[in-house]
Amino acid sequence: MRSNYEKNNAILAIDFSVTRRARLVVKHLLRSRGATARNELGEQLLDELCDCARIDIVYLKIHDARQYHKRRGKRVVMRQYGYYRPASQSIYITNRTAVRGQLLAPKTFLTTLLHEWMHHYDHCKLKLNSIHTKGFYLRLGSLTEVLLS
């Protein structure tokens, strides 16, 4: 019997087609700035991705707050951009940087959103305890590439 790690690592790409509408929402999302607009566009993208993958929808909450972070001395040694909660099928993302409190760059916001959605996909579609393996990042990369093409 294969371990969860081996299963996570063996799946290298998404197995569904992405719609033109999803690509269009990504283009709008990359131009967005505020928490309200990002929450609305992010929900549209997540709904579309869930429909494409034929999985339950996931809820999104954008916090207009600084990222959770830890310091060692004056250096930031860890940041948490967002997280996924399988029990509530929810994604939470902070919209501001850890130290300066600036709005997240649009591409950083998008990659965080897709990263957390990939955990949802792993949990709902692949029935995995989603962990950060090479396979996870290859699946994420394949999704990102398709959406940005």
C-alpha atoms as a PDB file:
ATOM      1  CA  MET A   1       0.000   0.000   0.000  1.00  0.00           C
ATOM      2  CA  ARG A   2       1.432   3.380  -1.022  1.00  0.00           C
ATOM      3  CA  SER A   3       1.914   6.075   1.583  1.00  0.00           C
ATOM      4  CA  ASN A   4       0.142   9.428   1.414  1.00  0.00           C
ATOM      5  CA  TYR A   5       3.469  11.018   0.436  1.00  0.00           C
ATOM      6  CA  GLU A   6       3.930   8.592  -2.466  1.00  0.00           C
ATOM      7  CA  LYS A   7       0.353   9.162  -3.676  1.00  0.00           C
ATOM      8  CA  ASN A   8       0.809  12.963  -3.471  1.00  0.00           C
ATOM      9  CA  ASN A   9       4.065  12.757  -5.361  1.00  0.00           C
ATOM     10  CA  ALA A  10       2.784  10.446  -8.121  1.00  0.00           C
ATOM     11  CA  ILE A  11       0.124  12.794  -9.544  1.00  0.00           C
ATOM     12  CA  LEU A  12       1.918  15.372 -11.669  1.00  0.00           C
ATOM     13  CA  ALA A  13      -0.841  17.362 -13.400  1.00  0.00           C
ATOM     14  CA  ILE A  14      -4.467  18.345 -13.121  1.00  0.00           C
ATOM     15  CA  ASP A  15      -6.907  16.081 -14.955  1.00  0.00           C
ATOM     16  CA  PHE A  16      -9.541  18.567 -16.120  1.00  0.00           C
ATOM     17  CA  SER A  17      -9.893  21.291 -18.733  1.00  0.00           C
ATOM     18  CA  VAL A  18      -9.971  24.945 -17.715  1.00  0.00           C
ATOM     19  CA  THR A  19     -12.625  27.155 -19.285  1.00  0.00           C
ATOM     20  CA  ARG A  20     -12.144  30.396 -21.154  1.00  0.00           C
ATOM     21  CA  ARG A  21     -14.188  32.085 -18.426  1.00  0.00           C
ATOM     22  CA  ALA A  22     -11.660  30.979 -15.774  1.00  0.00           C
ATOM     23  CA  ARG A  23      -8.833  32.525 -17.834  1.00  0.00           C
ATOM     24  CA  LEU A  24     -10.824  35.751 -18.183  1.00  0.00           C
ATOM     25  CA  VAL A  25     -11.438  35.973 -14.438  1.00  0.00           C
ATOM     26  CA  VAL A  26      -7.685  35.483 -13.874  1.00  0.00           C
ATOM     27  CA  LYS A  27      -6.963  38.457 -16.151  1.00  0.00           C
ATOM     28  CA  HIS A  28      -9.329  40.636 -14.097  1.00  0.00           C
ATOM     29  CA  LEU A  29      -7.914  39.284 -10.852  1.00  0.00           C
ATOM     30  CA  LEU A  30      -4.396  40.252 -11.929  1.00  0.00           C
ATOM     31  CA  ARG A  31      -5.609  43.857 -12.242  1.00  0.00           C
ATOM     32  CA  SER A  32      -7.415  43.921  -8.890  1.00  0.00           C
ATOM     33  CA  ARG A  33      -6.086  45.508  -5.713  1.00  0.00           C
ATOM     34  CA  GLY A  34      -8.559  45.789  -2.844  1.00  0.00           C
ATOM     35  CA  ALA A  35      -9.844  43.017  -0.600  1.00  0.00           C
ATOM     36  CA  THR A  36     -13.462  43.410  -1.767  1.00  0.00           C
ATOM     37  CA  ALA A  37     -12.653  43.125  -5.483  1.00  0.00           C
ATOM     38  CA  ARG A  38     -10.237  40.261  -4.883  1.00  0.00           C
ATOM     39  CA  ASN A  39     -12.785  38.421  -2.772  1.00  0.00           C
ATOM     40  CA  GLU A  40     -15.457  38.750  -5.478  1.00  0.00           C
ATOM     41  CA  LEU A  41     -13.159  37.794  -8.362  1.00  0.00           C
ATOM     42  CA  GLY A  42     -11.489  35.081  -6.304  1.00  0.00           C
ATOM     43  CA  GLU A  43     -14.863  33.499  -5.551  1.00  0.00           C
ATOM     44  CA  GLN A  44     -15.738  33.577  -9.256  1.00  0.00           C
ATOM     45  CA  LEU A  45     -12.459  31.847 -10.124  1.00  0.00           C
ATOM     46  CA  LEU A  46     -12.793  29.243  -7.385  1.00  0.00           C
ATOM     47  CA  ASP A  47     -16.401  28.467  -8.381  1.00  0.00           C
ATOM     48  CA  GLU A  48     -15.315  28.053 -11.994  1.00  0.00           C
ATOM     49  CA  LEU A  49     -12.370  25.799 -11.063  1.00  0.00           C
ATOM     50  CA  CYS A  50     -14.582  23.665  -8.829  1.00  0.00           C
ATOM     51  CA  ASP A  51     -17.102  23.293 -11.667  1.00  0.00           C
ATOM     52  CA  CYS A  52     -14.310  22.337 -14.083  1.00  0.00           C
ATOM     53  CA  ALA A  53     -12.924  19.740 -11.654  1.00  0.00           C
ATOM     54  CA  ARG A  54     -16.426  18.578 -10.646  1.00  0.00           C
ATOM     55  CA  ILE A  55     -15.855  19.056  -6.921  1.00  0.00           C
ATOM     56  CA  ASP A  56     -17.689  20.845  -4.128  1.00  0.00           C
ATOM     57  CA  ILE A  57     -17.314  24.604  -4.012  1.00  0.00           C
ATOM     58  CA  VAL A  58     -14.866  26.168  -1.596  1.00  0.00           C
ATOM     59  CA  TYR A  59     -15.517  29.361   0.343  1.00  0.00           C
ATOM     60  CA  LEU A  60     -13.125  32.305   0.244  1.00  0.00           C
ATOM     61  CA  LYS A  61     -12.415  34.962   2.842  1.00  0.00           C
ATOM     62  CA  ILE A  62      -9.940  37.743   2.127  1.00  0.00           C
ATOM     63  CA  HIS A  63      -8.654  39.517   5.211  1.00  0.00           C
ATOM     64  CA  ASP A  64      -7.460  43.079   4.678  1.00  0.00           C
ATOM     65  CA  ALA A  65      -4.811  42.577   7.334  1.00  0.00           C
ATOM     66  CA  ARG A  66      -1.080  41.902   7.482  1.00  0.00           C
ATOM     67  CA  GLN A  67       0.123  38.363   6.964  1.00  0.00           C
ATOM     68  CA  TYR A  68       0.785  36.249  10.020  1.00  0.00           C
ATOM     69  CA  HIS A  69       4.537  36.067  10.433  1.00  0.00           C
ATOM     70  CA  LYS A  70       7.315  35.141  12.862  1.00  0.00           C
ATOM     71  CA  ARG A  71      10.525  36.995  13.457  1.00  0.00           C
ATOM     72  CA  ARG A  72      13.927  35.928  14.636  1.00  0.00           C
ATOM     73  CA  GLY A  73      15.517  39.130  15.816  1.00  0.00           C
ATOM     74  CA  LYS A  74      14.680  41.737  13.196  1.00  0.00           C
ATOM     75  CA  ARG A  75      14.316  39.227  10.351  1.00  0.00           C
ATOM     76  CA  VAL A  76      11.022  37.737   9.209  1.00  0.00           C
ATOM     77  CA  VAL A  77      11.655  33.989   9.088  1.00  0.00           C
ATOM     78  CA  MET A  78       8.136  32.775   8.272  1.00  0.00           C
ATOM     79  CA  ARG A  79       5.053  34.228   6.563  1.00  0.00           C
ATOM     80  CA  GLN A  80       1.633  32.705   6.131  1.00  0.00           C
ATOM     81  CA  TYR A  81      -0.032  34.077   3.018  1.00  0.00           C
ATOM     82  CA  GLY A  82      -3.136  31.960   3.396  1.00  0.00           C
ATOM     83  CA  TYR A  83      -4.495  28.591   4.439  1.00  0.00           C
ATOM     84  CA  TYR A  84      -7.114  25.987   3.576  1.00  0.00           C
ATOM     85  CA  ARG A  85      -9.451  24.393   6.117  1.00  0.00           C
ATOM     86  CA  PRO A  86     -10.822  21.057   4.794  1.00  0.00           C
ATOM     87  CA  ALA A  87     -13.477  20.710   7.519  1.00  0.00           C
ATOM     88  CA  SER A  88     -15.203  23.946   6.473  1.00  0.00           C
ATOM     89  CA  GLN A  89     -14.009  23.813   2.840  1.00  0.00           C
ATOM     90  CA  SER A  90     -12.722  27.350   3.219  1.00  0.00           C
ATOM     91  CA  ILE A  91      -9.728  29.322   2.004  1.00  0.00           C
ATOM     92  CA  TYR A  92      -8.421  32.317   3.941  1.00  0.00           C
ATOM     93  CA  ILE A  93      -5.932  34.794   2.472  1.00  0.00           C
ATOM     94  CA  THR A  94      -4.455  37.965   3.931  1.00  0.00           C
ATOM     95  CA  ASN A  95      -4.263  40.838   1.461  1.00  0.00           C
ATOM     96  CA  ARG A  96      -1.339  42.749   3.002  1.00  0.00           C
ATOM     97  CA  THR A  97       2.360  42.070   3.356  1.00  0.00           C
ATOM     98  CA  ALA A  98       3.766  41.041   6.723  1.00  0.00           C
ATOM     99  CA  VAL A  99       6.124  43.933   7.511  1.00  0.00           C
ATOM    100  CA  ARG A 100       5.017  47.022   5.583  1.00  0.00           C
ATOM    101  CA  GLY A 101       1.321  46.224   5.350  1.00  0.00           C
ATOM    102  CA  GLN A 102       1.245  46.918   1.603  1.00  0.00           C
ATOM    103  CA  LEU A 103      -1.308  45.261  -0.663  1.00  0.00           C
ATOM    104  CA  LEU A 104      -0.098  41.940  -2.007  1.00  0.00           C
ATOM    105  CA  ALA A 105       1.164  42.078  -5.559  1.00  0.00           C
ATOM    106  CA  PRO A 106      -1.513  40.714  -7.923  1.00  0.00           C
ATOM    107  CA  LYS A 107       0.563  37.711  -9.053  1.00  0.00           C
ATOM    108  CA  THR A 108       1.425  36.838  -5.431  1.00  0.00           C
ATOM    109  CA  PHE A 109      -2.264  36.987  -4.572  1.00  0.00           C
ATOM    110  CA  LEU A 110      -3.152  34.745  -7.526  1.00  0.00           C
ATOM    111  CA  THR A 111      -0.472  32.157  -6.766  1.00  0.00           C
ATOM    112  CA  THR A 112      -1.566  32.053  -3.121  1.00  0.00           C
ATOM    113  CA  LEU A 113      -5.201  31.574  -4.151  1.00  0.00           C
ATOM    114  CA  LEU A 114      -4.303  28.766  -6.571  1.00  0.00           C
ATOM    115  CA  HIS A 115      -1.992  27.130  -4.008  1.00  0.00           C
ATOM    116  CA  GLU A 116      -4.778  26.963  -1.432  1.00  0.00           C
ATOM    117  CA  TRP A 117      -7.294  25.796  -4.046  1.00  0.00           C
ATOM    118  CA  MET A 118      -4.917  22.975  -4.992  1.00  0.00           C
ATOM    119  CA  HIS A 119      -5.141  21.731  -1.388  1.00  0.00           C
ATOM    120  CA  HIS A 120      -8.942  21.704  -1.818  1.00  0.00           C
ATOM    121  CA  TYR A 121      -8.632  19.825  -5.123  1.00  0.00           C
ATOM    122  CA  ASP A 122      -6.305  17.266  -3.528  1.00  0.00           C
ATOM    123  CA  HIS A 123      -8.683  16.782  -0.623  1.00  0.00           C
ATOM    124  CA  CYS A 124     -11.960  16.595  -2.587  1.00  0.00           C
ATOM    125  CA  LYS A 125     -10.996  15.124  -5.967  1.00  0.00           C
ATOM    126  CA  LEU A 126      -7.889  13.079  -5.271  1.00  0.00           C
ATOM    127  CA  LYS A 127      -8.880  12.068  -1.711  1.00  0.00           C
ATOM    128  CA  LEU A 128      -5.410  12.937  -0.440  1.00  0.00           C
ATOM    129  CA  ASN A 129      -4.152  14.451   2.754  1.00  0.00           C
ATOM    130  CA  SER A 130      -2.666  17.303   0.731  1.00  0.00           C
ATOM    131  CA  ILE A 131       0.981  17.968   1.515  1.00  0.00           C
ATOM    132  CA  HIS A 132       3.742  19.941  -0.159  1.00  0.00           C
ATOM    133  CA  THR A 133       5.482  17.410  -2.363  1.00  0.00           C
ATOM    134  CA  LYS A 134       7.080  17.735  -5.773  1.00  0.00           C
ATOM    135  CA  GLY A 135       3.847  16.315  -7.206  1.00  0.00           C
ATOM    136  CA  PHE A 136       1.775  18.996  -5.441  1.00  0.00           C
ATOM    137  CA  TYR A 137       3.914  21.768  -6.931  1.00  0.00           C
ATOM    138  CA  LEU A 138       3.818  20.166 -10.392  1.00  0.00           C
ATOM    139  CA  ARG A 139       0.000  20.013 -10.228  1.00  0.00           C
ATOM    140  CA  LEU A 140      -0.059  23.650  -9.110  1.00  0.00           C
ATOM    141  CA  GLY A 141       2.317  24.610 -11.924  1.00  0.00           C
ATOM    142  CA  SER A 142       0.201  22.822 -14.532  1.00  0.00           C
ATOM    143  CA  LEU A 143      -2.927  24.664 -13.336  1.00  0.00           C
ATOM    144  CA  THR A 144      -1.172  28.031 -13.251  1.00  0.00           C
ATOM    145  CA  GLU A 145       0.296  27.528 -16.728  1.00  0.00           C
ATOM    146  CA  VAL A 146      -3.099  26.681 -18.226  1.00  0.00           C
ATOM    147  CA  LEU A 147      -4.803  29.657 -16.561  1.00  0.00           C
ATOM    148  CA  LEU A 148      -2.153  32.137 -17.715  1.00  0.00           C
ATOM    149  CA  SER A 149      -1.969  30.846 -21.295  1.00  0.00           C
END
